[in-house]
């Protein structure tokens, strides 16, 4: 795994957010005033700083971004990186490590800021990569 610019604490903070909060954060990070936030920004606070009337619009913007990127994400994670084949490896047993690997895998593909890539990675882990990649069920050992 490469060293990514997102600290473990930031990944954990993102993993603690709910899906709506993450989509709002993603939408906010697509806005010019948030796009250049430093990697050490407290991402779990971004959406809370926004007026309530903007949160729904930003959530929709985040969801639309994921829909537009779905094919690219699927190709990179599920096909090229072969998530279904790698998911049973011990190093992918915890969410923080899996998110770190996804950040490394997606950096350069999404051509976005590290924070945005991390937010996308966390959303995918929370939604479920097995479902996203349409993996067959693992046999019980």
Protein backbone atom coordinates (compact mmCIF):
# COMPACT_ATOMS: atom_id res chain seq x y z
CA UNK A 1 0.00 0.00 0.00
CA UNK A 2 1.29 3.47 -0.84
CA UNK A 3 1.32 6.23 1.74
CA UNK A 4 -1.81 8.22 1.14
CA UNK A 5 -2.22 11.80 2.38
CA UNK A 6 -5.27 10.99 4.49
CA UNK A 7 -4.58 10.16 8.13
CA UNK A 8 -6.11 7.15 9.84
CA UNK A 9 -8.00 9.50 12.17
CA UNK A 10 -9.64 11.21 9.20
CA UNK A 11 -10.66 7.88 7.70
CA UNK A 12 -12.12 6.84 11.05
CA UNK A 13 -14.01 10.14 11.31
CA UNK A 14 -15.47 9.57 7.84
CA UNK A 15 -16.41 5.99 8.70
CA UNK A 16 -18.30 7.33 11.72
CA UNK A 17 -20.56 9.42 9.48
CA UNK A 18 -23.87 8.21 8.12
CA UNK A 19 -24.50 7.83 4.41
CA UNK A 20 -26.47 11.10 4.10
CA UNK A 21 -23.73 12.99 5.90
CA UNK A 22 -21.10 11.46 3.62
CA UNK A 23 -23.06 12.37 0.50
CA UNK A 24 -23.42 15.93 1.81
CA UNK A 25 -19.69 16.05 2.52
CA UNK A 26 -18.98 14.75 -0.99
CA UNK A 27 -21.28 17.37 -2.51
CA UNK A 28 -19.59 20.09 -0.46
CA UNK A 29 -16.14 18.95 -1.58
CA UNK A 30 -17.27 19.36 -5.19
CA UNK A 31 -17.95 23.05 -4.51
CA UNK A 32 -15.10 25.48 -5.24
CA UNK A 33 -15.07 26.96 -1.73
CA UNK A 34 -14.49 23.51 -0.19
CA UNK A 35 -12.51 21.86 -2.99
CA UNK A 36 -9.13 23.04 -1.78
CA UNK A 37 -9.49 22.07 1.86
CA UNK A 38 -6.22 20.72 3.23
CA UNK A 39 -6.08 16.99 3.87
CA UNK A 40 -5.94 17.61 7.60
CA UNK A 41 -9.35 19.35 7.58
CA UNK A 42 -11.90 17.81 9.93
CA UNK A 43 -14.12 16.23 7.30
CA UNK A 44 -16.72 15.05 9.76
CA UNK A 45 -17.50 18.74 10.41
CA UNK A 46 -17.81 19.98 6.81
CA UNK A 47 -21.48 19.25 6.32
CA UNK A 48 -22.45 20.59 9.76
CA UNK A 49 -21.13 24.05 8.83
CA UNK A 50 -23.50 24.38 5.89
CA UNK A 51 -26.93 26.02 6.11
CA UNK A 52 -29.68 23.39 6.26
CA UNK A 53 -31.26 24.53 2.99
CA UNK A 54 -28.00 23.75 1.16
CA UNK A 55 -27.51 20.31 2.66
CA UNK A 56 -30.15 18.58 0.51
CA UNK A 57 -28.74 20.17 -2.65
CA UNK A 58 -25.22 19.08 -1.74
CA UNK A 59 -26.41 15.55 -0.88
CA UNK A 60 -28.01 15.34 -4.32
CA UNK A 61 -24.83 16.68 -5.92
CA UNK A 62 -22.75 14.03 -4.11
CA UNK A 63 -25.14 11.25 -5.17
CA UNK A 64 -25.10 12.49 -8.78
CA UNK A 65 -21.29 12.50 -8.78
CA UNK A 66 -21.24 8.86 -7.63
CA UNK A 67 -23.73 7.89 -10.35
CA UNK A 68 -21.57 9.60 -12.99
CA UNK A 69 -18.43 7.89 -11.70
CA UNK A 70 -20.01 4.46 -11.16
CA UNK A 71 -18.59 2.85 -14.31
CA UNK A 72 -15.09 4.24 -13.67
CA UNK A 73 -15.22 3.10 -10.03
CA UNK A 74 -16.50 -0.34 -10.98
CA UNK A 75 -13.80 -0.82 -13.63
CA UNK A 76 -10.99 0.28 -11.33
CA UNK A 77 -12.08 -1.46 -8.11
CA UNK A 78 -13.96 -4.52 -9.27
CA UNK A 79 -12.29 -5.35 -12.57
CA UNK A 80 -8.72 -4.02 -12.53
CA UNK A 81 -8.07 -4.27 -8.78
CA UNK A 82 -10.22 -7.46 -8.53
CA UNK A 83 -11.88 -6.67 -5.21
CA UNK A 84 -13.92 -9.90 -5.24
CA UNK A 85 -10.73 -11.93 -5.50
CA UNK A 86 -8.90 -9.95 -2.83
CA UNK A 87 -11.64 -9.42 -0.25
CA UNK A 88 -10.82 -12.52 1.81
CA UNK A 89 -7.18 -11.49 2.30
CA UNK A 90 -6.46 -10.65 5.96
CA UNK A 91 -5.19 -7.13 5.26
CA UNK A 92 -8.67 -6.13 4.08
CA UNK A 93 -10.32 -7.31 7.29
CA UNK A 94 -10.89 -3.86 8.77
CA UNK A 95 -12.60 -0.89 7.20
CA UNK A 96 -9.80 1.64 7.78
CA UNK A 97 -7.25 -0.53 5.96
CA UNK A 98 -9.69 -1.24 3.14
CA UNK A 99 -10.41 2.48 2.72
CA UNK A 100 -6.66 3.20 2.65
CA UNK A 101 -6.19 0.64 -0.12
CA UNK A 102 -9.12 2.11 -2.04
CA UNK A 103 -7.68 5.62 -1.73
CA UNK A 104 -4.43 4.33 -3.23
CA UNK A 105 -6.35 2.51 -5.97
CA UNK A 106 -8.54 5.50 -6.86
CA UNK A 107 -5.98 8.29 -6.59
CA UNK A 108 -5.22 9.43 -10.10
CA UNK A 109 -8.30 7.71 -11.50
CA UNK A 110 -10.79 10.22 -10.12
CA UNK A 111 -8.34 13.13 -10.56
CA UNK A 112 -9.81 14.81 -7.51
CA UNK A 113 -8.48 16.03 -4.18
CA UNK A 114 -7.34 13.39 -1.67
CA UNK A 115 -10.20 14.31 0.64
CA UNK A 116 -12.78 13.73 -2.08
CA UNK A 117 -11.21 10.40 -3.04
CA UNK A 118 -11.24 9.36 0.63
CA UNK A 119 -14.91 10.31 0.95
CA UNK A 120 -15.80 8.25 -2.13
CA UNK A 121 -13.82 5.29 -0.76
CA UNK A 122 -15.62 5.46 2.58
CA UNK A 123 -19.03 5.67 0.91
CA UNK A 124 -18.25 2.58 -1.15
CA UNK A 125 -17.08 0.64 1.91
CA UNK A 126 -20.17 1.65 3.89
CA UNK A 127 -22.55 0.83 1.03
CA UNK A 128 -20.76 -2.50 0.64
CA UNK A 129 -18.13 -3.44 -1.91
CA UNK A 130 -19.47 -7.00 -2.17
CA UNK A 131 -22.75 -5.59 -3.46
CA UNK A 132 -21.11 -2.84 -5.54
CA UNK A 133 -18.80 -5.35 -7.27
CA UNK A 134 -21.52 -8.02 -7.43
CA UNK A 135 -19.28 -10.56 -5.70
CA UNK A 136 -20.47 -14.10 -5.15
CA UNK A 137 -20.88 -15.12 -1.51
CA UNK A 138 -17.80 -16.52 0.14
CA UNK A 139 -18.03 -20.14 1.18
CA UNK A 140 -17.88 -20.77 4.92
CA UNK A 141 -14.57 -22.21 6.03
